[in-house]
Structure formats: structure tokens, C-alpha cells
Amino acid sequence: SMENLRKRGIRDLLEAAEKYRLHRLMGLCLAAISSDDFHGAVPPSTIAEDIGSVIGDTRWGDMKIVCSGHEIHCHRCIVDSCANYFSEHIREQLKAKENPV
């Protein structure tokens, strides 16, 4: 039935949310699974905590800034959006990779 298909989709989404530790999405999925007519309130955003938990994590960083011998692992998209100096440098590097000499 359509209801079983909907719940199976939500369970698949819940599995992915658990795998990637997306707590807010997990809460939404669990609420939807436990209710036949889910129209509950959306839980408050945890985006700041989610991003904060991966900042400085070398597994997720795709760039490294070295200053006075200290390495700072970071995320290119965040650095690019927050600092014009680094944004220009990142864009120059990407352009050089696209057009090798």
C-alpha cells in the first residue's frame, strides 16, 4: 500500500540519518514513523552544533592552512565564503588546475 511505501522510505531515510549522525533528521523520521498522521512541529535546527562537531576534524577537512608552524585543518567552502584573501587564493589554485601550463 501507499502507507507501507511511505514508511519504508522514511525508514531508509532514518538509516541514512543514523549513519551520518544527522540528529535532527533522525528525530523527524522517528516522529513520522510513530505517527499515522505526522504533522508535528519541526525540531529546532542543530546546524551550528553539527558544523561545530566537524570543524578541525582531519577526516572531513579538504584544505590545510599552515601558520607559524601550526596546521589548521579546515573546509574550503567555509573558508572561501568567509575570507576574501583565501577566496581569491583558492580560486587561483582551482583555475591553475583547470588550465595546466
PDB file of N, CA and C in Angstrom:
ATOM      1  N   SER A   1       0.837  -1.185   0.000  1.00  0.00           N
ATOM      2  CA  SER A   1       0.000   0.000   0.000  1.00  0.00           C
ATOM      3  C   SER A   1       0.881   1.247   0.000  1.00  0.00           C
ATOM      4  N   MET A   2       0.264   2.368  -0.254  1.00  0.00           N
ATOM      5  CA  MET A   2       0.988   3.636  -0.290  1.00  0.00           C
ATOM      6  C   MET A   2       1.563   3.978   1.081  1.00  0.00           C
ATOM      7  N   GLU A   3       0.841   3.654   2.142  1.00  0.00           N
ATOM      8  CA  GLU A   3       1.311   3.928   3.501  1.00  0.00           C
ATOM      9  C   GLU A   3       2.562   3.111   3.821  1.00  0.00           C
ATOM     10  N   ASN A   4       2.571   1.834   3.426  1.00  0.00           N
ATOM     11  CA  ASN A   4       3.754   0.991   3.653  1.00  0.00           C
ATOM     12  C   ASN A   4       4.950   1.516   2.870  1.00  0.00           C
ATOM     13  N   LEU A   5       4.707   1.969   1.667  1.00  0.00           N
ATOM     14  CA  LEU A   5       5.775   2.525   0.840  1.00  0.00           C
ATOM     15  C   LEU A   5       6.337   3.792   1.494  1.00  0.00           C
ATOM     16  N   ARG A   6       5.460   4.648   2.016  1.00  0.00           N
ATOM     17  CA  ARG A   6       5.886   5.874   2.695  1.00  0.00           C
ATOM     18  C   ARG A   6       6.738   5.546   3.919  1.00  0.00           C
ATOM     19  N   LYS A   7       6.273   4.602   4.736  1.00  0.00           N
ATOM     20  CA  LYS A   7       7.023   4.244   5.949  1.00  0.00           C
ATOM     21  C   LYS A   7       8.353   3.586   5.606  1.00  0.00           C
ATOM     22  N   ARG A   8       8.397   2.785   4.529  1.00  0.00           N
ATOM     23  CA  ARG A   8       9.667   2.171   4.121  1.00  0.00           C
ATOM     24  C   ARG A   8      10.654   3.253   3.686  1.00  0.00           C
ATOM     25  N   GLY A   9      10.155   4.252   2.964  1.00  0.00           N
ATOM     26  CA  GLY A   9      11.008   5.372   2.555  1.00  0.00           C
ATOM     27  C   GLY A   9      11.542   6.134   3.752  1.00  0.00           C
ATOM     28  N   ILE A  10      10.689   6.335   4.738  1.00  0.00           N
ATOM     29  CA  ILE A  10      11.115   7.041   5.952  1.00  0.00           C
ATOM     30  C   ILE A  10      12.140   6.206   6.710  1.00  0.00           C
ATOM     31  N   ARG A  11      11.948   4.896   6.746  1.00  0.00           N
ATOM     32  CA  ARG A  11      12.930   4.028   7.429  1.00  0.00           C
ATOM     33  C   ARG A  11      14.284   4.074   6.709  1.00  0.00           C
ATOM     34  N   ASP A  12      14.269   4.104   5.383  1.00  0.00           N
ATOM     35  CA  ASP A  12      15.519   4.225   4.630  1.00  0.00           C
ATOM     36  C   ASP A  12      16.206   5.556   4.933  1.00  0.00           C
ATOM     37  N   LEU A  13      15.410   6.604   5.000  1.00  0.00           N
ATOM     38  CA  LEU A  13      15.950   7.924   5.334  1.00  0.00           C
ATOM     39  C   LEU A  13      16.497   7.932   6.751  1.00  0.00           C
ATOM     40  N   LEU A  14      15.809   7.278   7.676  1.00  0.00           N
ATOM     41  CA  LEU A  14      16.277   7.174   9.057  1.00  0.00           C
ATOM     42  C   LEU A  14      17.615   6.442   9.117  1.00  0.00           C
ATOM     43  N   GLU A  15      17.750   5.387   8.352  1.00  0.00           N
ATOM     44  CA  GLU A  15      19.010   4.635   8.329  1.00  0.00           C
ATOM     45  C   GLU A  15      20.164   5.533   7.869  1.00  0.00           C
ATOM     46  N   ALA A  16      19.928   6.322   6.838  1.00  0.00           N
ATOM     47  CA  ALA A  16      20.968   7.243   6.358  1.00  0.00           C
ATOM     48  C   ALA A  16      21.257   8.311   7.408  1.00  0.00           C
ATOM     49  N   ALA A  17      20.215   8.829   8.060  1.00  0.00           N
ATOM     50  CA  ALA A  17      20.398   9.852   9.097  1.00  0.00           C
ATOM     51  C   ALA A  17      21.220   9.299  10.257  1.00  0.00           C
ATOM     52  N   GLU A  18      20.975   8.045  10.622  1.00  0.00           N
ATOM     53  CA  GLU A  18      21.757   7.426  11.702  1.00  0.00           C
ATOM     54  C   GLU A  18      23.205   7.233  11.274  1.00  0.00           C
ATOM     55  N   LYS A  19      23.408   6.791  10.046  1.00  0.00           N
ATOM     56  CA  LYS A  19      24.762   6.554   9.544  1.00  0.00           C
ATOM     57  C   LYS A  19      25.595   7.831   9.572  1.00  0.00           C
ATOM     58  N   TYR A  20      24.986   8.945   9.164  1.00  0.00           N
ATOM     59  CA  TYR A  20      25.713  10.208   9.086  1.00  0.00           C
ATOM     60  C   TYR A  20      25.495  11.105  10.302  1.00  0.00           C
ATOM     61  N   ARG A  21      24.866  10.549  11.344  1.00  0.00           N
ATOM     62  CA  ARG A  21      24.646  11.250  12.610  1.00  0.00           C
ATOM     63  C   ARG A  21      23.940  12.593  12.417  1.00  0.00           C
ATOM     64  N   LEU A  22      22.857  12.569  11.656  1.00  0.00           N
ATOM     65  CA  LEU A  22      22.047  13.767  11.435  1.00  0.00           C
ATOM     66  C   LEU A  22      20.881  13.721  12.424  1.00  0.00           C
ATOM     67  N   HIS A  23      21.132  14.207  13.620  1.00  0.00           N
ATOM     68  CA  HIS A  23      20.209  14.047  14.736  1.00  0.00           C
ATOM     69  C   HIS A  23      18.836  14.665  14.482  1.00  0.00           C
ATOM     70  N   ARG A  24      18.804  15.827  13.879  1.00  0.00           N
ATOM     71  CA  ARG A  24      17.518  16.476  13.625  1.00  0.00           C
ATOM     72  C   ARG A  24      16.682  15.643  12.657  1.00  0.00           C
ATOM     73  N   LEU A  25      17.309  15.152  11.595  1.00  0.00           N
ATOM     74  CA  LEU A  25      16.595  14.320  10.625  1.00  0.00           C
ATOM     75  C   LEU A  25      16.151  13.011  11.268  1.00  0.00           C
ATOM     76  N   MET A  26      16.974  12.451  12.152  1.00  0.00           N
ATOM     77  CA  MET A  26      16.583  11.236  12.854  1.00  0.00           C
ATOM     78  C   MET A  26      15.311  11.474  13.659  1.00  0.00           C
ATOM     79  N   GLY A  27      15.245  12.604  14.354  1.00  0.00           N
ATOM     80  CA  GLY A  27      14.066  12.932  15.150  1.00  0.00           C
ATOM     81  C   GLY A  27      12.813  13.061  14.296  1.00  0.00           C
ATOM     82  N   LEU A  28      12.956  13.707  13.149  1.00  0.00           N
ATOM     83  CA  LEU A  28      11.813  13.847  12.245  1.00  0.00           C
ATOM     84  C   LEU A  28      11.342  12.492  11.732  1.00  0.00           C
ATOM     85  N   CYS A  29      12.298  11.639  11.367  1.00  0.00           N
ATOM     86  CA  CYS A  29      11.945  10.309  10.859  1.00  0.00           C
ATOM     87  C   CYS A  29      11.249   9.477  11.924  1.00  0.00           C
ATOM     88  N   LEU A  30      11.781   9.501  13.136  1.00  0.00           N
ATOM     89  CA  LEU A  30      11.174   8.723  14.219  1.00  0.00           C
ATOM     90  C   LEU A  30       9.763   9.218  14.525  1.00  0.00           C
ATOM     91  N   ALA A  31       9.573  10.521  14.512  1.00  0.00           N
ATOM     92  CA  ALA A  31       8.238  11.070  14.753  1.00  0.00           C
ATOM     93  C   ALA A  31       7.283  10.664  13.633  1.00  0.00           C
ATOM     94  N   ALA A  32       7.753  10.675  12.405  1.00  0.00           N
ATOM     95  CA  ALA A  32       6.903  10.312  11.269  1.00  0.00           C
ATOM     96  C   ALA A  32       6.552   8.830  11.294  1.00  0.00           C
ATOM     97  N   ILE A  33       7.492   7.986  11.688  1.00  0.00           N
ATOM     98  CA  ILE A  33       7.242   6.539  11.746  1.00  0.00           C
ATOM     99  C   ILE A  33       6.236   6.206  12.848  1.00  0.00           C
ATOM    100  N   SER A  34       6.348   6.902  13.979  1.00  0.00           N
ATOM    101  CA  SER A  34       5.484   6.566  15.110  1.00  0.00           C
ATOM    102  C   SER A  34       4.084   7.163  14.997  1.00  0.00           C
ATOM    103  N   SER A  35       3.862   7.993  14.008  1.00  0.00           N
ATOM    104  CA  SER A  35       2.556   8.636  13.856  1.00  0.00           C
ATOM    105  C   SER A  35       1.930   8.257  12.517  1.00  0.00           C
ATOM    106  N   ASP A  36       0.646   7.980  12.531  1.00  0.00           N
ATOM    107  CA  ASP A  36      -0.050   7.682  11.278  1.00  0.00           C
ATOM    108  C   ASP A  36      -0.322   8.953  10.486  1.00  0.00           C
ATOM    109  N   ASP A  37      -0.428  10.074  11.189  1.00  0.00           N
ATOM    110  CA  ASP A  37      -0.745  11.336  10.541  1.00  0.00           C
ATOM    111  C   ASP A  37       0.227  12.387  11.055  1.00  0.00           C
ATOM    112  N   PHE A  38       1.471  12.323  10.590  1.00  0.00           N
ATOM    113  CA  PHE A  38       2.524  13.189  11.109  1.00  0.00           C
ATOM    114  C   PHE A  38       2.405  14.600  10.546  1.00  0.00           C
ATOM    115  N   HIS A  39       2.099  15.524  11.417  1.00  0.00           N
ATOM    116  CA  HIS A  39       2.115  16.945  11.084  1.00  0.00           C
ATOM    117  C   HIS A  39       2.692  17.708  12.264  1.00  0.00           C
ATOM    118  N   GLY A  40       3.648  17.082  12.926  1.00  0.00           N
ATOM    119  CA  GLY A  40       4.225  17.662  14.137  1.00  0.00           C
ATOM    120  C   GLY A  40       5.132  18.835  13.840  1.00  0.00           C
ATOM    121  N   ALA A  41       5.520  19.492  14.895  1.00  0.00           N
ATOM    122  CA  ALA A  41       6.417  20.638  14.785  1.00  0.00           C
ATOM    123  C   ALA A  41       7.812  20.159  14.398  1.00  0.00           C
ATOM    124  N   VAL A  42       8.472  20.939  13.603  1.00  0.00           N
ATOM    125  CA  VAL A  42       9.844  20.628  13.208  1.00  0.00           C
ATOM    126  C   VAL A  42      10.752  20.995  14.378  1.00  0.00           C
ATOM    127  N   PRO A  43      11.619  20.076  14.788  1.00  0.00           N
ATOM    128  CA  PRO A  43      12.524  20.376  15.910  1.00  0.00           C
ATOM    129  C   PRO A  43      13.447  21.549  15.570  1.00  0.00           C
ATOM    130  N   PRO A  44      13.973  22.228  16.582  1.00  0.00           N
ATOM    131  CA  PRO A  44      14.878  23.353  16.310  1.00  0.00           C
ATOM    132  C   PRO A  44      16.125  22.899  15.568  1.00  0.00           C
ATOM    133  N   SER A  45      16.667  23.804  14.793  1.00  0.00           N
ATOM    134  CA  SER A  45      17.856  23.497  13.993  1.00  0.00           C
ATOM    135  C   SER A  45      19.056  23.196  14.880  1.00  0.00           C
ATOM    136  N   THR A  46      19.880  22.262  14.437  1.00  0.00           N
ATOM    137  CA  THR A  46      21.129  21.935  15.129  1.00  0.00           C
ATOM    138  C   THR A  46      22.325  22.177  14.209  1.00  0.00           C
ATOM    139  N   ILE A  47      22.134  23.011  13.174  1.00  0.00           N
ATOM    140  CA  ILE A  47      23.181  23.206  12.178  1.00  0.00           C
ATOM    141  C   ILE A  47      24.477  23.731  12.803  1.00  0.00           C
ATOM    142  N   ALA A  48      24.387  24.650  13.756  1.00  0.00           N
ATOM    143  CA  ALA A  48      25.601  25.185  14.381  1.00  0.00           C
ATOM    144  C   ALA A  48      26.365  24.086  15.104  1.00  0.00           C
ATOM    145  N   GLU A  49      25.659  23.239  15.845  1.00  0.00           N
ATOM    146  CA  GLU A  49      26.312  22.138  16.552  1.00  0.00           C
ATOM    147  C   GLU A  49      26.859  21.113  15.559  1.00  0.00           C
ATOM    148  N   ASP A  50      26.093  20.851  14.496  1.00  0.00           N
ATOM    149  CA  ASP A  50      26.534  19.872  13.501  1.00  0.00           C
ATOM    150  C   ASP A  50      27.825  20.318  12.828  1.00  0.00           C
ATOM    151  N   ILE A  51      27.881  21.581  12.418  1.00  0.00           N
ATOM    152  CA  ILE A  51      29.087  22.099  11.778  1.00  0.00           C
ATOM    153  C   ILE A  51      30.220  22.161  12.793  1.00  0.00           C
ATOM    154  N   GLY A  52      29.903  22.600  14.006  1.00  0.00           N
ATOM    155  CA  GLY A  52      30.922  22.686  15.047  1.00  0.00           C
ATOM    156  C   GLY A  52      31.568  21.348  15.349  1.00  0.00           C
ATOM    157  N   SER A  53      30.815  20.267  15.190  1.00  0.00           N
ATOM    158  CA  SER A  53      31.358  18.949  15.504  1.00  0.00           C
ATOM    159  C   SER A  53      32.355  18.450  14.466  1.00  0.00           C
ATOM    160  N   VAL A  54      32.359  19.028  13.263  1.00  0.00           N
ATOM    161  CA  VAL A  54      33.294  18.559  12.234  1.00  0.00           C
ATOM    162  C   VAL A  54      34.425  19.541  11.956  1.00  0.00           C
ATOM    163  N   ILE A  55      34.314  20.746  12.499  1.00  0.00           N
ATOM    164  CA  ILE A  55      35.388  21.723  12.274  1.00  0.00           C
ATOM    165  C   ILE A  55      36.657  21.225  12.957  1.00  0.00           C
ATOM    166  N   GLY A  56      37.735  21.252  12.232  1.00  0.00           N
ATOM    167  CA  GLY A  56      39.014  20.793  12.759  1.00  0.00           C
ATOM    168  C   GLY A  56      39.218  19.294  12.659  1.00  0.00           C
ATOM    169  N   ASP A  57      38.226  18.571  12.208  1.00  0.00           N
ATOM    170  CA  ASP A  57      38.326  17.118  12.059  1.00  0.00           C
ATOM    171  C   ASP A  57      39.043  16.815  10.736  1.00  0.00           C
ATOM    172  N   THR A  58      40.209  16.218  10.817  1.00  0.00           N
ATOM    173  CA  THR A  58      41.016  15.978   9.618  1.00  0.00           C
ATOM    174  C   THR A  58      40.354  15.026   8.632  1.00  0.00           C
ATOM    175  N   ARG A  59      39.376  14.241   9.083  1.00  0.00           N
ATOM    176  CA  ARG A  59      38.690  13.332   8.161  1.00  0.00           C
ATOM    177  C   ARG A  59      37.834  14.093   7.162  1.00  0.00           C
ATOM    178  N   TRP A  60      37.326  15.256   7.537  1.00  0.00           N
ATOM    179  CA  TRP A  60      36.395  15.985   6.696  1.00  0.00           C
ATOM    180  C   TRP A  60      37.022  17.205   6.038  1.00  0.00           C
ATOM    181  N   GLY A  61      38.095  17.713   6.608  1.00  0.00           N
ATOM    182  CA  GLY A  61      38.726  18.899   6.039  1.00  0.00           C
ATOM    183  C   GLY A  61      39.305  18.609   4.665  1.00  0.00           C
ATOM    184  N   ASP A  62      39.173  19.562   3.775  1.00  0.00           N
ATOM    185  CA  ASP A  62      39.722  19.368   2.437  1.00  0.00           C
ATOM    186  C   ASP A  62      40.792  20.408   2.130  1.00  0.00           C
ATOM    187  N   MET A  63      41.244  21.106   3.166  1.00  0.00           N
ATOM    188  CA  MET A  63      42.313  22.079   2.985  1.00  0.00           C
ATOM    189  C   MET A  63      43.024  22.263   4.322  1.00  0.00           C
ATOM    190  N   LYS A  64      44.262  22.717   4.238  1.00  0.00           N
ATOM    191  CA  LYS A  64      45.058  22.921   5.451  1.00  0.00           C
ATOM    192  C   LYS A  64      45.722  24.289   5.348  1.00  0.00           C
ATOM    193  N   ILE A  65      45.616  25.074   6.401  1.00  0.00           N
ATOM    194  CA  ILE A  65      46.300  26.361   6.485  1.00  0.00           C
ATOM    195  C   ILE A  65      47.431  26.181   7.478  1.00  0.00           C
ATOM    196  N   VAL A  66      48.635  26.594   7.102  1.00  0.00           N
ATOM    197  CA  VAL A  66      49.794  26.486   7.988  1.00  0.00           C
ATOM    198  C   VAL A  66      50.246  27.904   8.325  1.00  0.00           C
ATOM    199  N   CYS A  67      50.339  28.174   9.618  1.00  0.00           N
ATOM    200  CA  CYS A  67      50.744  29.498  10.087  1.00  0.00           C
ATOM    201  C   CYS A  67      51.658  29.331  11.289  1.00  0.00           C
ATOM    202  N   SER A  68      52.864  29.851  11.190  1.00  0.00           N
ATOM    203  CA  SER A  68      53.850  29.778  12.274  1.00  0.00           C
ATOM    204  C   SER A  68      54.056  28.343  12.746  1.00  0.00           C
ATOM    205  N   GLY A  69      54.042  27.417  11.804  1.00  0.00           N
ATOM    206  CA  GLY A  69      54.275  26.026  12.129  1.00  0.00           C
ATOM    207  C   GLY A  69      53.065  25.267  12.639  1.00  0.00           C
ATOM    208  N   HIS A  70      51.946  25.927  12.778  1.00  0.00           N
ATOM    209  CA  HIS A  70      50.717  25.283  13.241  1.00  0.00           C
ATOM    210  C   HIS A  70      49.820  24.975  12.054  1.00  0.00           C
ATOM    211  N   GLU A  71      49.286  23.760  12.021  1.00  0.00           N
ATOM    212  CA  GLU A  71      48.379  23.349  10.957  1.00  0.00           C
ATOM    213  C   GLU A  71      46.935  23.501  11.414  1.00  0.00           C
ATOM    214  N   ILE A  72      46.131  24.089  10.553  1.00  0.00           N
ATOM    215  CA  ILE A  72      44.703  24.226  10.817  1.00  0.00           C
ATOM    216  C   ILE A  72      43.975  23.514   9.684  1.00  0.00           C
ATOM    217  N   HIS A  73      43.317  22.412  10.000  1.00  0.00           N
ATOM    218  CA  HIS A  73      42.535  21.684   9.006  1.00  0.00           C
ATOM    219  C   HIS A  73      41.177  22.355   8.907  1.00  0.00           C
ATOM    220  N   CYS A  74      40.752  22.611   7.689  1.00  0.00           N
ATOM    221  CA  CYS A  74      39.500  23.351   7.523  1.00  0.00           C
ATOM    222  C   CYS A  74      38.769  22.897   6.264  1.00  0.00           C
ATOM    223  N   HIS A  75      37.689  23.576   6.007  1.00  0.00           N
ATOM    224  CA  HIS A  75      36.816  23.219   4.900  1.00  0.00           C
ATOM    225  C   HIS A  75      36.831  24.353   3.888  1.00  0.00           C
ATOM    226  N   ARG A  76      37.249  24.038   2.691  1.00  0.00           N
ATOM    227  CA  ARG A  76      37.429  25.035   1.638  1.00  0.00           C
ATOM    228  C   ARG A  76      36.168  25.890   1.442  1.00  0.00           C
ATOM    229  N   CYS A  77      35.005  25.270   1.432  1.00  0.00           N
ATOM    230  CA  CYS A  77      33.784  26.036   1.176  1.00  0.00           C
ATOM    231  C   CYS A  77      33.511  27.053   2.271  1.00  0.00           C
ATOM    232  N   ILE A  78      33.854  26.721   3.521  1.00  0.00           N
ATOM    233  CA  ILE A  78      33.632  27.665   4.619  1.00  0.00           C
ATOM    234  C   ILE A  78      34.666  28.780   4.564  1.00  0.00           C
ATOM    235  N   VAL A  79      35.922  28.424   4.354  1.00  0.00           N
ATOM    236  CA  VAL A  79      36.974  29.435   4.268  1.00  0.00           C
ATOM    237  C   VAL A  79      36.706  30.364   3.087  1.00  0.00           C
ATOM    238  N   ASP A  80      36.311  29.796   1.956  1.00  0.00           N
ATOM    239  CA  ASP A  80      36.041  30.582   0.755  1.00  0.00           C
ATOM    240  C   ASP A  80      34.924  31.595   0.997  1.00  0.00           C
ATOM    241  N   SER A  81      33.914  31.196   1.741  1.00  0.00           N
ATOM    242  CA  SER A  81      32.771  32.080   1.951  1.00  0.00           C
ATOM    243  C   SER A  81      33.018  33.129   3.035  1.00  0.00           C
ATOM    244  N   CYS A  82      34.059  32.946   3.849  1.00  0.00           N
ATOM    245  CA  CYS A  82      34.268  33.841   4.996  1.00  0.00           C
ATOM    246  C   CYS A  82      35.449  34.793   4.854  1.00  0.00           C
ATOM    247  N   ALA A  83      36.368  34.517   3.960  1.00  0.00           N
ATOM    248  CA  ALA A  83      37.586  35.328   3.904  1.00  0.00           C
ATOM    249  C   ALA A  83      37.983  35.612   2.454  1.00  0.00           C
ATOM    250  N   ASN A  84      37.936  36.879   2.074  1.00  0.00           N
ATOM    251  CA  ASN A  84      38.268  37.262   0.693  1.00  0.00           C
ATOM    252  C   ASN A  84      39.687  36.868   0.307  1.00  0.00           C
ATOM    253  N   TYR A  85      40.638  37.019   1.230  1.00  0.00           N
ATOM    254  CA  TYR A  85      42.023  36.661   0.926  1.00  0.00           C
ATOM    255  C   TYR A  85      42.116  35.202   0.497  1.00  0.00           C
ATOM    256  N   PHE A  86      41.554  34.325   1.285  1.00  0.00           N
ATOM    257  CA  PHE A  86      41.612  32.901   0.965  1.00  0.00           C
ATOM    258  C   PHE A  86      40.749  32.565  -0.239  1.00  0.00           C
ATOM    259  N   SER A  87      39.637  33.261  -0.384  1.00  0.00           N
ATOM    260  CA  SER A  87      38.757  33.014  -1.520  1.00  0.00           C
ATOM    261  C   SER A  87      39.497  33.242  -2.830  1.00  0.00           C
ATOM    262  N   GLU A  88      40.212  34.348  -2.939  1.00  0.00           N
ATOM    263  CA  GLU A  88      40.983  34.640  -4.155  1.00  0.00           C
ATOM    264  C   GLU A  88      42.070  33.590  -4.378  1.00  0.00           C
ATOM    265  N   HIS A  89      42.746  33.205  -3.309  1.00  0.00           N
ATOM    266  CA  HIS A  89      43.816  32.200  -3.402  1.00  0.00           C
ATOM    267  C   HIS A  89      43.251  30.841  -3.862  1.00  0.00           C
ATOM    268  N   ILE A  90      42.142  30.448  -3.288  1.00  0.00           N
ATOM    269  CA  ILE A  90      41.505  29.168  -3.639  1.00  0.00           C
ATOM    270  C   ILE A  90      41.086  29.182  -5.102  1.00  0.00           C
ATOM    271  N   ARG A  91      40.483  30.274  -5.533  1.00  0.00           N
ATOM    272  CA  ARG A  91      40.031  30.374  -6.934  1.00  0.00           C
ATOM    273  C   ARG A  91      41.208  30.342  -7.904  1.00  0.00           C
ATOM    274  N   GLU A  92      42.316  30.984  -7.544  1.00  0.00           N
ATOM    275  CA  GLU A  92      43.517  30.940  -8.386  1.00  0.00           C
ATOM    276  C   GLU A  92      44.043  29.513  -8.503  1.00  0.00           C
ATOM    277  N   GLN A  93      44.067  28.784  -7.395  1.00  0.00           N
ATOM    278  CA  GLN A  93      44.529  27.392  -7.428  1.00  0.00           C
ATOM    279  C   GLN A  93      43.633  26.531  -8.300  1.00  0.00           C
ATOM    280  N   LEU A  94      42.330  26.698  -8.169  1.00  0.00           N
ATOM    281  CA  LEU A  94      41.397  25.915  -8.971  1.00  0.00           C
ATOM    282  C   LEU A  94      41.541  26.240 -10.451  1.00  0.00           C
ATOM    283  N   LYS A  95      41.739  27.517 -10.760  1.00  0.00           N
ATOM    284  CA  LYS A  95      41.915  27.926 -12.151  1.00  0.00           C
ATOM    285  C   LYS A  95      43.196  27.325 -12.736  1.00  0.00           C
ATOM    286  N   ALA A  96      44.263  27.304 -11.940  1.00  0.00           N
ATOM    287  CA  ALA A  96      45.527  26.724 -12.399  1.00  0.00           C
ATOM    288  C   ALA A  96      45.384  25.230 -12.676  1.00  0.00           C
ATOM    289  N   LYS A  97      44.583  24.540 -11.875  1.00  0.00           N
ATOM    290  CA  LYS A  97      44.359  23.104 -12.098  1.00  0.00           C
ATOM    291  C   LYS A  97      43.573  22.855 -13.367  1.00  0.00           C
ATOM    292  N   GLU A  98      42.646  23.781 -13.702  1.00  0.00           N
ATOM    293  CA  GLU A  98      41.835  23.626 -14.905  1.00  0.00           C
ATOM    294  C   GLU A  98      42.643  23.899 -16.159  1.00  0.00           C
ATOM    295  N   ASN A  99      43.642  24.789 -16.065  1.00  0.00           N
ATOM    296  CA  ASN A  99      44.445  25.183 -17.217  1.00  0.00           C
ATOM    297  C   ASN A  99      45.921  24.968 -16.944  1.00  0.00           C
ATOM    298  N   PRO A 100      46.387  23.723 -16.913  1.00  0.00           N
ATOM    299  CA  PRO A 100      47.802  23.468 -16.622  1.00  0.00           C
ATOM    300  C   PRO A 100      48.701  24.044 -17.712  1.00  0.00           C
ATOM    301  N   VAL A 101      49.885  24.488 -17.299  1.00  0.00           N
ATOM    302  CA  VAL A 101      50.854  25.066 -18.249  1.00  0.00           C
ATOM    303  C   VAL A 101      51.686  23.980 -18.857  1.00  0.00           C
TER     304      VAL A 101
END
